């Protein structure tokens, strides 16, 4: 039996419609993540609504750059017919969720259920973010040795080279850049330690301006952490920089590097909440259906950095 306030993995077979909580499910719609985990997750793997089982075409990047000289139509004839193909992949979204048992002797306030739902939501999103980073790391290409960003380095030159190599590989320049917190600090330390006006300006530039400098749509720094040991927290993304291509509001067949496919509930929500009340305790469960998929491995770059 789980202890009070212990989080356990949820089993979808244990839940019935009788335990479904419409008010708490509605709460997940209006809830705003205070740690911006959802924002980072969508930045790396844009969300795509699909059914439980779905099919998509893995991007064949070369077809986007085909070119011909015979696109001129002769009188009375048709235009040349072309096709865009790709490997069809069958996938399904996976049921994920967590349950927390709350002893009624530890309940306080009228919003105690909402507070526990928020705790579960943050934990589920953090799990998804770690999966997204792991998937990005799997497809990203980079040098085997780390770049040294010290007082004589040019971090932004290394980033430009990574973007150039990625564009050469895929034909499309990456449009998003993701720094781990440690990598971002090493970049700033390297630039601030150089006594030049150019380095000083580069070290103080805002993320939006940095994205414009690199001809990107956006740039983010990830400082999210998770409990890796009883007395230790680890960065989800530390001393690495990733470049990749992603677009919001995309279709399941569009050639972004990563997508997060999710199945909305019948009510149109991303999460569903169950509340199983007993005499002395209540089990609160939050579940969702999702799958993070690398739909194109071309054009994703990585730099690992160190200070020595």
Protein backbone atom coordinates (compact mmCIF):
# COMPACT_ATOMS: atom_id res chain seq x y z
CA UNK A 1 0.00 0.00 0.00
CA UNK A 2 1.37 3.45 -0.83
CA UNK A 3 2.17 5.83 1.99
CA UNK A 4 0.47 9.19 2.37
CA UNK A 5 1.70 11.75 -0.23
CA UNK A 6 3.72 9.06 -2.03
CA UNK A 7 3.58 9.28 -5.82
CA UNK A 8 3.21 6.00 -7.68
CA UNK A 9 2.81 5.02 -11.33
CA UNK A 10 -0.80 5.06 -12.46
CA UNK A 11 -2.48 2.00 -13.99
CA UNK A 12 -5.23 2.87 -16.46
CA UNK A 13 -7.04 -0.42 -15.77
CA UNK A 14 -7.83 0.67 -12.21
CA UNK A 15 -9.83 3.72 -13.18
CA UNK A 16 -13.47 3.97 -14.07
CA UNK A 17 -15.71 6.82 -15.13
CA UNK A 18 -16.96 7.01 -11.55
CA UNK A 19 -13.58 8.40 -10.43
CA UNK A 20 -13.24 10.93 -13.25
CA UNK A 21 -13.14 14.52 -11.94
CA UNK A 22 -14.48 17.07 -14.39
CA UNK A 23 -13.65 20.10 -12.19
CA UNK A 24 -10.03 19.00 -11.64
CA UNK A 25 -9.63 18.16 -15.31
CA UNK A 26 -10.90 21.64 -16.15
CA UNK A 27 -8.34 23.02 -13.70
CA UNK A 28 -5.51 21.53 -15.82
CA UNK A 29 -6.69 23.60 -18.80
CA UNK A 30 -6.39 26.96 -17.06
CA UNK A 31 -3.31 26.01 -15.05
CA UNK A 32 -0.09 27.87 -15.87
CA UNK A 33 3.20 26.12 -15.19
CA UNK A 34 5.22 28.45 -12.91
CA UNK A 35 8.54 26.86 -13.95
CA UNK A 36 7.92 27.18 -17.71
CA UNK A 37 8.59 23.47 -18.21
CA UNK A 38 5.70 23.25 -20.69
CA UNK A 39 7.17 26.16 -22.68
CA UNK A 40 10.55 24.45 -22.99
CA UNK A 41 8.89 21.15 -23.90
CA UNK A 42 6.92 22.80 -26.72
CA UNK A 43 10.08 24.63 -27.82
CA UNK A 44 11.97 21.36 -28.34
CA UNK A 45 9.11 19.09 -29.47
CA UNK A 46 6.07 21.04 -30.74
CA UNK A 47 2.77 19.35 -29.78
CA UNK A 48 0.66 17.63 -32.45
CA UNK A 49 -2.84 16.31 -31.62
CA UNK A 50 -3.49 12.82 -32.99
CA UNK A 51 -5.59 9.74 -32.27
CA UNK A 52 -4.32 6.90 -30.11
CA UNK A 53 -2.92 5.18 -33.20
CA UNK A 54 -1.64 7.29 -36.06
CA UNK A 55 0.61 7.25 -39.10
CA UNK A 56 3.09 9.85 -40.25
CA UNK A 57 5.75 10.13 -42.92
CA UNK A 58 9.33 10.40 -41.77
CA UNK A 59 10.85 13.35 -43.57
CA UNK A 60 12.85 12.65 -46.73
CA UNK A 61 14.75 15.92 -46.65
CA UNK A 62 16.33 15.59 -50.11
CA UNK A 63 12.96 15.85 -51.84
CA UNK A 64 12.50 19.41 -50.61
CA UNK A 65 15.51 20.43 -52.73
CA UNK A 66 14.81 18.65 -55.99
CA UNK A 67 15.06 20.93 -59.00
CA UNK A 68 14.34 20.39 -62.66
CA UNK A 69 14.64 22.27 -65.92
CA UNK A 70 11.66 20.59 -67.61
CA UNK A 71 8.82 22.38 -65.79
CA UNK A 72 7.68 24.16 -68.96
CA UNK A 73 4.32 22.94 -70.32
CA UNK A 74 4.01 22.33 -74.05
CA UNK A 75 0.78 23.39 -75.80
CA UNK A 76 -1.93 20.76 -75.30
CA UNK A 77 0.03 18.81 -72.71
CA UNK A 78 0.04 18.61 -68.93
CA UNK A 79 2.62 19.85 -66.50
CA UNK A 80 5.22 17.39 -65.27
CA UNK A 81 3.85 15.41 -62.34
CA UNK A 82 6.01 15.09 -59.23
CA UNK A 83 5.62 13.14 -56.00
CA UNK A 84 6.83 13.67 -52.47
CA UNK A 85 7.36 10.39 -50.68
CA UNK A 86 8.56 9.40 -47.28
CA UNK A 87 8.77 6.37 -45.08
CA UNK A 88 5.37 5.77 -43.48
CA UNK A 89 5.63 5.07 -39.76
CA UNK A 90 2.88 3.62 -37.60
CA UNK A 91 2.94 4.92 -34.05
CA UNK A 92 0.70 5.21 -31.03
CA UNK A 93 0.54 7.52 -28.06
CA UNK A 94 1.48 5.97 -24.73
CA UNK A 95 -0.59 6.22 -21.56
CA UNK A 96 1.42 8.00 -18.85
CA UNK A 97 0.33 9.12 -15.42
CA UNK A 98 1.00 9.37 -11.70
CA UNK A 99 -1.07 8.86 -8.55
CA UNK A 100 -0.66 10.50 -5.16
CA UNK A 101 -2.38 9.29 -1.99
CA UNK A 102 -3.39 12.13 0.33
CA UNK A 103 -4.29 11.29 3.93
CA UNK A 104 -7.24 13.38 5.10
CA UNK A 105 -5.45 14.18 8.37
CA UNK A 106 -2.90 16.16 6.33
CA UNK A 107 -5.44 18.13 4.29
CA UNK A 108 -5.70 21.89 4.76
CA UNK A 109 -7.38 24.64 2.75
CA UNK A 110 -10.19 24.41 0.22
CA UNK A 111 -7.84 24.06 -2.77
CA UNK A 112 -5.84 21.06 -1.55
CA UNK A 113 -6.90 18.88 -4.48
CA UNK A 114 -5.84 21.51 -7.02
CA UNK A 115 -2.47 21.86 -5.31
CA UNK A 116 -1.78 18.12 -5.57
CA UNK A 117 -2.93 18.09 -9.19
CA UNK A 118 -0.43 20.88 -9.88
CA UNK A 119 2.34 18.83 -8.27
CA UNK A 120 1.55 15.86 -10.51
CA UNK A 121 1.31 18.04 -13.63
CA UNK A 122 4.74 19.54 -13.01
CA UNK A 123 6.24 16.10 -12.45
CA UNK A 124 4.68 14.65 -15.60
CA UNK A 125 5.86 17.60 -17.68
CA UNK A 126 9.37 17.29 -16.24
CA UNK A 127 9.37 13.63 -17.27
CA UNK A 128 8.34 14.63 -20.80
CA UNK A 129 11.03 17.32 -20.94
CA UNK A 130 13.71 14.79 -20.04
CA UNK A 131 12.43 12.48 -22.77
CA UNK A 132 12.51 15.32 -25.31
CA UNK A 133 16.11 16.25 -24.43
CA UNK A 134 17.16 12.60 -24.64
CA UNK A 135 15.53 12.29 -28.08
CA UNK A 136 17.22 15.49 -29.29
CA UNK A 137 20.59 14.28 -28.04
CA UNK A 138 20.13 11.00 -29.91
CA UNK A 139 19.74 12.65 -33.32
CA UNK A 140 22.06 15.67 -32.89
CA UNK A 141 25.44 15.48 -34.59
CA UNK A 142 28.52 16.98 -32.97
CA UNK A 143 32.26 16.64 -32.49
CA UNK A 144 33.50 13.86 -30.22
CA UNK A 145 35.60 16.34 -28.23
CA UNK A 146 34.17 19.23 -26.24
CA UNK A 147 34.83 22.82 -27.28
CA UNK A 148 36.86 24.81 -24.77
CA UNK A 149 35.24 28.15 -24.02
CA UNK A 150 37.86 30.10 -22.09
CA UNK A 151 39.37 33.58 -22.22
CA UNK A 152 40.75 33.05 -25.73
CA UNK A 153 37.73 31.30 -27.26
CA UNK A 154 35.08 32.61 -29.59
CA UNK A 155 31.89 30.79 -28.53
CA UNK A 156 29.66 32.47 -31.10
CA UNK A 157 31.99 31.42 -33.91
CA UNK A 158 31.63 27.79 -32.77
CA UNK A 159 27.85 28.18 -32.79
CA UNK A 160 27.85 29.68 -36.29
CA UNK A 161 29.95 26.77 -37.52
CA UNK A 162 27.52 24.29 -35.98
CA UNK A 163 24.61 26.03 -37.71
CA UNK A 164 26.48 26.01 -41.03
CA UNK A 165 27.29 22.30 -40.75
CA UNK A 166 23.68 21.49 -39.87
CA UNK A 167 22.37 23.48 -42.84
CA UNK A 168 24.83 21.74 -45.14
CA UNK A 169 23.61 18.38 -43.86
CA UNK A 170 19.88 19.02 -44.24
CA UNK A 171 19.60 21.95 -46.65
CA UNK A 172 17.65 23.91 -44.04
CA UNK A 173 19.29 26.17 -41.49
CA UNK A 174 18.18 25.28 -37.96
CA UNK A 175 15.75 27.86 -36.60
CA UNK A 176 16.06 27.18 -32.87
CA UNK A 177 18.98 27.15 -30.46
CA UNK A 178 18.92 25.59 -27.00
CA UNK A 179 21.59 26.24 -24.35
CA UNK A 180 22.10 24.21 -21.24
CA UNK A 181 22.52 26.48 -18.24
CA UNK A 182 26.19 25.52 -17.77
CA UNK A 183 26.95 26.09 -21.46
CA UNK A 184 25.28 29.50 -21.31
CA UNK A 185 27.35 30.46 -18.25
CA UNK A 186 30.56 29.32 -19.98
CA UNK A 187 29.71 31.45 -23.00
CA UNK A 188 29.10 34.52 -20.82
CA UNK A 189 32.24 33.92 -18.75
CA UNK A 190 34.35 33.53 -21.88
CA UNK A 191 33.07 36.76 -23.43
CA UNK A 192 33.12 38.84 -20.23
CA UNK A 193 36.74 37.90 -19.54
CA UNK A 194 37.85 39.33 -22.90
CA UNK A 195 38.62 43.02 -22.71
CA UNK A 196 37.14 44.06 -26.05
CA UNK A 197 34.04 46.03 -26.96
CA UNK A 198 32.85 43.26 -29.31
CA UNK A 199 33.07 40.57 -26.64
CA UNK A 200 31.41 42.79 -24.05
CA UNK A 201 28.50 43.52 -26.38
CA UNK A 202 28.10 39.85 -27.30
CA UNK A 203 28.12 38.85 -23.64
CA UNK A 204 25.30 41.23 -22.74
CA UNK A 205 23.00 40.54 -25.67
CA UNK A 206 19.41 39.42 -25.01
CA UNK A 207 18.23 36.00 -26.14
CA UNK A 208 15.95 37.51 -28.78
CA UNK A 209 18.82 39.57 -30.18
CA UNK A 210 21.11 36.54 -30.09
CA UNK A 211 18.56 34.59 -32.14
CA UNK A 212 18.46 37.43 -34.69
CA UNK A 213 22.25 37.50 -34.79
CA UNK A 214 22.35 33.82 -35.72
CA UNK A 215 19.40 34.19 -38.17
CA UNK A 216 17.18 32.03 -35.96
CA UNK A 217 13.54 32.25 -34.92
CA UNK A 218 14.22 31.80 -31.21
CA UNK A 219 16.75 30.87 -28.58
CA UNK A 220 16.24 29.44 -25.08
CA UNK A 221 18.32 28.58 -22.01
CA UNK A 222 17.28 25.53 -19.99
CA UNK A 223 17.94 25.60 -16.27
CA UNK A 224 15.39 22.92 -15.28
CA UNK A 225 16.56 20.30 -12.79
CA UNK A 226 15.37 16.98 -11.43
CA UNK A 227 16.09 14.94 -8.30
CA UNK A 228 18.78 12.53 -9.49
CA UNK A 229 19.63 11.17 -6.02
CA UNK A 230 18.18 11.50 -2.49
CA UNK A 231 20.39 14.53 -1.75
CA UNK A 232 21.30 15.69 -5.25
CA UNK A 233 19.64 17.56 -8.10
CA UNK A 234 20.94 17.37 -11.65
CA UNK A 235 20.48 19.67 -14.62
CA UNK A 236 18.32 18.17 -17.35
CA UNK A 237 20.62 19.87 -19.85
CA UNK A 238 24.03 21.08 -18.70
CA UNK A 239 27.09 21.91 -20.79
CA UNK A 240 25.66 21.42 -24.28
CA UNK A 241 24.21 23.61 -27.02
CA UNK A 242 21.72 22.22 -29.54
CA UNK A 243 20.59 23.57 -32.89
CA UNK A 244 17.51 22.08 -34.54
CA UNK A 245 14.50 22.84 -36.69
CA UNK A 246 10.99 23.07 -35.23
CA UNK A 247 7.77 24.92 -35.97
CA UNK A 248 4.69 25.53 -33.84
CA UNK A 249 1.28 24.63 -35.19
CA UNK A 250 2.72 22.08 -37.59
CA UNK A 251 1.23 18.98 -39.17
CA UNK A 252 2.28 15.43 -38.36
CA UNK A 253 4.13 15.13 -41.68
CA UNK A 254 6.05 18.43 -41.54
CA UNK A 255 9.87 17.98 -41.35
CA UNK A 256 10.65 19.24 -37.87
CA UNK A 257 13.30 17.26 -36.04
CA UNK A 258 11.10 16.37 -33.07
CA UNK A 259 7.37 16.28 -32.45
CA UNK A 260 5.37 15.49 -29.35
CA UNK A 261 2.27 13.63 -30.48
CA UNK A 262 -0.52 13.69 -27.92
CA UNK A 263 -4.09 12.41 -27.85
CA UNK A 264 -6.64 14.92 -26.51
CA UNK A 265 -9.42 13.65 -24.27
CA UNK A 266 -13.06 13.62 -25.32
CA UNK A 267 -13.37 17.02 -23.63
CA UNK A 268 -10.47 18.38 -25.67
CA UNK A 269 -8.02 18.57 -22.76
CA UNK A 270 -4.45 17.27 -22.69
CA UNK A 271 -4.73 15.74 -19.22
CA UNK A 272 -7.43 13.81 -17.41
CA UNK A 273 -7.79 13.75 -13.60
CA UNK A 274 -9.30 11.03 -11.42
CA UNK A 275 -10.23 11.41 -7.77
CA UNK A 276 -10.82 8.17 -5.82
CA UNK A 277 -12.10 9.10 -2.35
CA UNK A 278 -11.99 6.77 0.65
CA UNK A 279 -12.90 7.21 4.29
CA UNK A 280 -9.42 8.30 5.43
CA UNK A 281 -7.56 9.12 2.23
CA UNK A 282 -7.99 10.19 -1.39
CA UNK A 283 -6.07 8.94 -4.43
CA UNK A 284 -5.57 11.67 -7.04
CA UNK A 285 -4.40 10.57 -10.48
CA UNK A 286 -3.36 12.64 -13.49
CA UNK A 287 -2.91 10.87 -16.83
CA UNK A 288 -2.21 11.72 -20.46
CA UNK A 289 -1.40 10.04 -23.77
CA UNK A 290 1.71 11.15 -25.64
CA UNK A 291 4.75 10.03 -27.60
CA UNK A 292 7.89 12.05 -28.44
CA UNK A 293 9.21 11.06 -31.86
CA UNK A 294 12.26 12.10 -33.87
CA UNK A 295 10.60 12.58 -37.25
CA UNK A 296 13.77 13.82 -38.97
CA UNK A 297 17.36 13.27 -37.89
CA UNK A 298 18.90 15.65 -40.45
CA UNK A 299 20.13 19.09 -39.50
CA UNK A 300 20.27 18.76 -35.72
CA UNK A 301 23.59 19.91 -34.29
CA UNK A 302 25.29 19.74 -30.90
CA UNK A 303 28.24 21.37 -29.18
CA UNK A 304 29.56 20.06 -25.89
CA UNK A 305 31.61 22.68 -24.05
CA UNK A 306 34.03 22.89 -21.14
CA UNK A 307 36.16 25.62 -19.58
CA UNK A 308 39.43 23.72 -19.86
